[in-house]
């Protein structure tokens, strides 16, 4: 399957389709990264508290090591994901455009993953962290800028088979 959305037609709908596909890709893998990092950080937090109480190391080197290791994993994940996604979208194969695409994907995945790590660190348990992450993903999705135009929304309302009438 190829999305090849940048065909010679150059219509506005093609651009909107491409933006929506990229948005869905980043949001999907970002949410997966957020949810997959939670149990790991939660278990590591217990180990950190024990080793900090023993006086083995402080918070800053622990946090820097955690971010460094996650960044390496995300760089590998983004490399694999970008090499599959870039040709599927039908983008032009130039080094500069490919590196900008990689940078955008990498920074987006870093943001989502570090946000997941932060919520685990700030909440008392992983369950509350999962609820907080779900809330923020819904909020980001709501205010993302992918809005249904008013005309399309009004047409969709008229096509509904059941209408609710309010009796006053």
C-alpha atoms as a PDB file:
ATOM      1  CA  UNK A   1       0.000   0.000   0.000  1.00  0.00           C
ATOM      2  CA  UNK A   2       1.318   3.397  -0.925  1.00  0.00           C
ATOM      3  CA  UNK A   3      -0.121   6.716   0.064  1.00  0.00           C
ATOM      4  CA  UNK A   4       1.747   8.641  -2.683  1.00  0.00           C
ATOM      5  CA  UNK A   5      -0.271  11.732  -1.886  1.00  0.00           C
ATOM      6  CA  UNK A   6       1.980  14.197  -3.625  1.00  0.00           C
ATOM      7  CA  UNK A   7       0.805  13.393  -7.119  1.00  0.00           C
ATOM      8  CA  UNK A   8       0.900  16.040  -9.852  1.00  0.00           C
ATOM      9  CA  UNK A   9      -2.735  17.027  -9.148  1.00  0.00           C
ATOM     10  CA  UNK A  10      -1.698  19.495  -6.402  1.00  0.00           C
ATOM     11  CA  UNK A  11      -5.173  19.882  -4.943  1.00  0.00           C
ATOM     12  CA  UNK A  12      -5.976  21.208  -1.494  1.00  0.00           C
ATOM     13  CA  UNK A  13      -7.614  17.931  -0.497  1.00  0.00           C
ATOM     14  CA  UNK A  14      -4.362  16.057  -1.194  1.00  0.00           C
ATOM     15  CA  UNK A  15      -2.506  18.378   1.164  1.00  0.00           C
ATOM     16  CA  UNK A  16      -5.153  17.998   3.863  1.00  0.00           C
ATOM     17  CA  UNK A  17      -5.050  14.208   3.483  1.00  0.00           C
ATOM     18  CA  UNK A  18      -1.282  14.261   3.865  1.00  0.00           C
ATOM     19  CA  UNK A  19      -1.456  16.464   6.968  1.00  0.00           C
ATOM     20  CA  UNK A  20      -4.085  14.214   8.526  1.00  0.00           C
ATOM     21  CA  UNK A  21      -2.052  11.075   7.780  1.00  0.00           C
ATOM     22  CA  UNK A  22       1.096  12.551   9.325  1.00  0.00           C
ATOM     23  CA  UNK A  23      -0.875  13.727  12.348  1.00  0.00           C
ATOM     24  CA  UNK A  24      -2.346  10.255  12.863  1.00  0.00           C
ATOM     25  CA  UNK A  25       1.067   8.627  12.482  1.00  0.00           C
ATOM     26  CA  UNK A  26       2.724  10.864  15.059  1.00  0.00           C
ATOM     27  CA  UNK A  27      -0.152  10.673  17.517  1.00  0.00           C
ATOM     28  CA  UNK A  28      -0.430   6.884  17.249  1.00  0.00           C
ATOM     29  CA  UNK A  29       3.229   6.053  17.767  1.00  0.00           C
ATOM     30  CA  UNK A  30       3.615   8.812  20.349  1.00  0.00           C
ATOM     31  CA  UNK A  31       0.748   7.380  22.403  1.00  0.00           C
ATOM     32  CA  UNK A  32       2.260   3.899  22.085  1.00  0.00           C
ATOM     33  CA  UNK A  33       5.597   5.258  23.342  1.00  0.00           C
ATOM     34  CA  UNK A  34       3.928   7.008  26.264  1.00  0.00           C
ATOM     35  CA  UNK A  35       2.089   3.886  27.341  1.00  0.00           C
ATOM     36  CA  UNK A  36       5.035   1.542  26.879  1.00  0.00           C
ATOM     37  CA  UNK A  37       7.459   3.633  28.917  1.00  0.00           C
ATOM     38  CA  UNK A  38       5.214   3.823  31.999  1.00  0.00           C
ATOM     39  CA  UNK A  39       5.787   0.364  33.541  1.00  0.00           C
ATOM     40  CA  UNK A  40       9.530   0.558  32.932  1.00  0.00           C
ATOM     41  CA  UNK A  41       9.914   3.948  34.592  1.00  0.00           C
ATOM     42  CA  UNK A  42       7.661   2.852  37.447  1.00  0.00           C
ATOM     43  CA  UNK A  43       9.843  -0.167  38.230  1.00  0.00           C
ATOM     44  CA  UNK A  44      13.037   1.862  37.826  1.00  0.00           C
ATOM     45  CA  UNK A  45      11.688   4.437  40.279  1.00  0.00           C
ATOM     46  CA  UNK A  46      11.561   1.806  43.031  1.00  0.00           C
ATOM     47  CA  UNK A  47      15.170   0.858  42.326  1.00  0.00           C
ATOM     48  CA  UNK A  48      16.160   4.523  42.289  1.00  0.00           C
ATOM     49  CA  UNK A  49      14.601   5.181  45.710  1.00  0.00           C
ATOM     50  CA  UNK A  50      16.427   2.203  47.199  1.00  0.00           C
ATOM     51  CA  UNK A  51      19.794   3.178  45.725  1.00  0.00           C
ATOM     52  CA  UNK A  52      19.372   6.826  46.613  1.00  0.00           C
ATOM     53  CA  UNK A  53      18.618   5.903  50.210  1.00  0.00           C
ATOM     54  CA  UNK A  54      21.842   3.898  50.218  1.00  0.00           C
ATOM     55  CA  UNK A  55      23.673   7.011  48.956  1.00  0.00           C
ATOM     56  CA  UNK A  56      24.810   5.478  45.664  1.00  0.00           C
ATOM     57  CA  UNK A  57      23.985   8.416  43.365  1.00  0.00           C
ATOM     58  CA  UNK A  58      21.908  11.566  43.096  1.00  0.00           C
ATOM     59  CA  UNK A  59      18.883  12.470  40.994  1.00  0.00           C
ATOM     60  CA  UNK A  60      20.559  14.373  38.166  1.00  0.00           C
ATOM     61  CA  UNK A  61      22.828  11.583  36.845  1.00  0.00           C
ATOM     62  CA  UNK A  62      19.911   9.147  37.114  1.00  0.00           C
ATOM     63  CA  UNK A  63      17.607  11.421  35.097  1.00  0.00           C
ATOM     64  CA  UNK A  64      20.281  12.146  32.476  1.00  0.00           C
ATOM     65  CA  UNK A  65      21.012   8.432  32.062  1.00  0.00           C
ATOM     66  CA  UNK A  66      17.317   7.679  31.690  1.00  0.00           C
ATOM     67  CA  UNK A  67      16.846  10.357  29.011  1.00  0.00           C
ATOM     68  CA  UNK A  68      20.016   9.270  27.170  1.00  0.00           C
ATOM     69  CA  UNK A  69      19.007   5.617  27.006  1.00  0.00           C
ATOM     70  CA  UNK A  70      15.452   6.431  25.908  1.00  0.00           C
ATOM     71  CA  UNK A  71      16.786   8.834  23.270  1.00  0.00           C
ATOM     72  CA  UNK A  72      18.945   6.085  21.772  1.00  0.00           C
ATOM     73  CA  UNK A  73      15.991   3.697  21.622  1.00  0.00           C
ATOM     74  CA  UNK A  74      13.810   6.370  20.058  1.00  0.00           C
ATOM     75  CA  UNK A  75      16.508   7.224  17.480  1.00  0.00           C
ATOM     76  CA  UNK A  76      16.588   3.588  16.361  1.00  0.00           C
ATOM     77  CA  UNK A  77      12.797   3.370  16.359  1.00  0.00           C
ATOM     78  CA  UNK A  78      12.493   6.595  14.369  1.00  0.00           C
ATOM     79  CA  UNK A  79      15.085   5.414  11.840  1.00  0.00           C
ATOM     80  CA  UNK A  80      13.169   2.229  11.120  1.00  0.00           C
ATOM     81  CA  UNK A  81       9.827   4.003  11.095  1.00  0.00           C
ATOM     82  CA  UNK A  82      11.044   6.843   8.849  1.00  0.00           C
ATOM     83  CA  UNK A  83      12.593   4.521   6.273  1.00  0.00           C
ATOM     84  CA  UNK A  84       9.213   2.827   5.855  1.00  0.00           C
ATOM     85  CA  UNK A  85       6.977   5.887   6.159  1.00  0.00           C
ATOM     86  CA  UNK A  86       8.861   8.382   3.969  1.00  0.00           C
ATOM     87  CA  UNK A  87       8.482   6.440   0.706  1.00  0.00           C
ATOM     88  CA  UNK A  88       4.915   5.431   1.582  1.00  0.00           C
ATOM     89  CA  UNK A  89       3.929   9.085   1.726  1.00  0.00           C
ATOM     90  CA  UNK A  90       5.469   9.642  -1.694  1.00  0.00           C
ATOM     91  CA  UNK A  91       7.852  12.406  -0.660  1.00  0.00           C
ATOM     92  CA  UNK A  92      10.702  13.553  -2.877  1.00  0.00           C
ATOM     93  CA  UNK A  93      13.965  11.762  -2.110  1.00  0.00           C
ATOM     94  CA  UNK A  94      16.367  14.556  -1.216  1.00  0.00           C
ATOM     95  CA  UNK A  95      18.736  14.444   1.715  1.00  0.00           C
ATOM     96  CA  UNK A  96      17.579  17.722   3.210  1.00  0.00           C
ATOM     97  CA  UNK A  97      13.875  16.842   3.087  1.00  0.00           C
ATOM     98  CA  UNK A  98      14.483  13.373   4.464  1.00  0.00           C
ATOM     99  CA  UNK A  99      16.548  14.731   7.369  1.00  0.00           C
ATOM    100  CA  UNK A 100      13.886  17.352   8.170  1.00  0.00           C
ATOM    101  CA  UNK A 101      11.267  14.618   8.170  1.00  0.00           C
ATOM    102  CA  UNK A 102      13.440  12.470  10.432  1.00  0.00           C
ATOM    103  CA  UNK A 103      14.028  15.426  12.764  1.00  0.00           C
ATOM    104  CA  UNK A 104      10.286  16.160  13.009  1.00  0.00           C
ATOM    105  CA  UNK A 105       9.447  12.533  13.749  1.00  0.00           C
ATOM    106  CA  UNK A 106      12.310  12.148  16.231  1.00  0.00           C
ATOM    107  CA  UNK A 107      11.412  15.279  18.192  1.00  0.00           C
ATOM    108  CA  UNK A 108       7.744  14.329  18.256  1.00  0.00           C
ATOM    109  CA  UNK A 109       8.509  10.858  19.617  1.00  0.00           C
ATOM    110  CA  UNK A 110      10.977  12.284  22.143  1.00  0.00           C
ATOM    111  CA  UNK A 111       8.309  14.708  23.341  1.00  0.00           C
ATOM    112  CA  UNK A 112       5.696  12.006  23.789  1.00  0.00           C
ATOM    113  CA  UNK A 113       8.080   9.582  25.491  1.00  0.00           C
ATOM    114  CA  UNK A 114       9.546  12.133  27.881  1.00  0.00           C
ATOM    115  CA  UNK A 115       6.047  13.327  28.729  1.00  0.00           C
ATOM    116  CA  UNK A 116       5.156   9.732  29.639  1.00  0.00           C
ATOM    117  CA  UNK A 117       8.262   9.497  31.810  1.00  0.00           C
ATOM    118  CA  UNK A 118       7.442  12.804  33.477  1.00  0.00           C
ATOM    119  CA  UNK A 119       3.888  11.799  34.359  1.00  0.00           C
ATOM    120  CA  UNK A 120       5.125   8.582  35.970  1.00  0.00           C
ATOM    121  CA  UNK A 121       7.674  10.578  37.967  1.00  0.00           C
ATOM    122  CA  UNK A 122       5.075  13.121  39.130  1.00  0.00           C
ATOM    123  CA  UNK A 123       2.257  10.740  40.057  1.00  0.00           C
ATOM    124  CA  UNK A 124       2.221   8.226  42.909  1.00  0.00           C
ATOM    125  CA  UNK A 125       1.424   5.146  40.780  1.00  0.00           C
ATOM    126  CA  UNK A 126       1.205   4.075  37.125  1.00  0.00           C
ATOM    127  CA  UNK A 127      -2.602   3.950  37.123  1.00  0.00           C
ATOM    128  CA  UNK A 128      -2.948   7.658  37.891  1.00  0.00           C
ATOM    129  CA  UNK A 129      -0.235   8.351  35.331  1.00  0.00           C
ATOM    130  CA  UNK A 130      -2.185   6.442  32.666  1.00  0.00           C
ATOM    131  CA  UNK A 131      -5.334   8.442  33.410  1.00  0.00           C
ATOM    132  CA  UNK A 132      -3.384  11.715  33.257  1.00  0.00           C
ATOM    133  CA  UNK A 133      -1.787  10.744  29.944  1.00  0.00           C
ATOM    134  CA  UNK A 134      -5.163   9.766  28.495  1.00  0.00           C
ATOM    135  CA  UNK A 135      -6.555  13.157  29.524  1.00  0.00           C
ATOM    136  CA  UNK A 136      -3.699  15.057  27.890  1.00  0.00           C
ATOM    137  CA  UNK A 137      -3.814  13.016  24.676  1.00  0.00           C
ATOM    138  CA  UNK A 138      -7.525  13.782  24.386  1.00  0.00           C
ATOM    139  CA  UNK A 139      -6.828  17.459  25.090  1.00  0.00           C
ATOM    140  CA  UNK A 140      -4.010  17.639  22.528  1.00  0.00           C
ATOM    141  CA  UNK A 141      -6.188  15.843  20.012  1.00  0.00           C
ATOM    142  CA  UNK A 142      -9.005  18.319  20.613  1.00  0.00           C
ATOM    143  CA  UNK A 143      -6.807  21.382  20.144  1.00  0.00           C
ATOM    144  CA  UNK A 144      -4.500  19.963  17.469  1.00  0.00           C
ATOM    145  CA  UNK A 145      -5.724  22.143  14.639  1.00  0.00           C
ATOM    146  CA  UNK A 146      -7.335  19.330  12.677  1.00  0.00           C
ATOM    147  CA  UNK A 147     -10.840  20.791  12.764  1.00  0.00           C
ATOM    148  CA  UNK A 148     -13.855  19.761  10.735  1.00  0.00           C
ATOM    149  CA  UNK A 149     -15.006  22.769   8.696  1.00  0.00           C
ATOM    150  CA  UNK A 150     -18.365  24.223   9.738  1.00  0.00           C
ATOM    151  CA  UNK A 151     -19.999  23.547   6.386  1.00  0.00           C
ATOM    152  CA  UNK A 152     -19.076  19.849   6.452  1.00  0.00           C
ATOM    153  CA  UNK A 153     -20.168  19.563  10.077  1.00  0.00           C
ATOM    154  CA  UNK A 154     -23.557  21.159   9.340  1.00  0.00           C
ATOM    155  CA  UNK A 155     -24.089  18.855   6.368  1.00  0.00           C
ATOM    156  CA  UNK A 156     -23.282  15.850   8.529  1.00  0.00           C
ATOM    157  CA  UNK A 157     -25.831  16.940  11.125  1.00  0.00           C
ATOM    158  CA  UNK A 158     -28.551  17.096   8.489  1.00  0.00           C
ATOM    159  CA  UNK A 159     -27.787  13.548   7.388  1.00  0.00           C
ATOM    160  CA  UNK A 160     -28.417  12.063  10.823  1.00  0.00           C
ATOM    161  CA  UNK A 161     -31.478   9.799  10.766  1.00  0.00           C
ATOM    162  CA  UNK A 162     -32.673  10.718  14.248  1.00  0.00           C
ATOM    163  CA  UNK A 163     -33.079  14.229  15.435  1.00  0.00           C
ATOM    164  CA  UNK A 164     -33.472  15.049  19.070  1.00  0.00           C
ATOM    165  CA  UNK A 165     -36.143  17.616  19.732  1.00  0.00           C
ATOM    166  CA  UNK A 166     -36.245  19.536  22.934  1.00  0.00           C
ATOM    167  CA  UNK A 167     -39.627  20.129  24.443  1.00  0.00           C
ATOM    168  CA  UNK A 168     -39.748  23.307  26.480  1.00  0.00           C
END
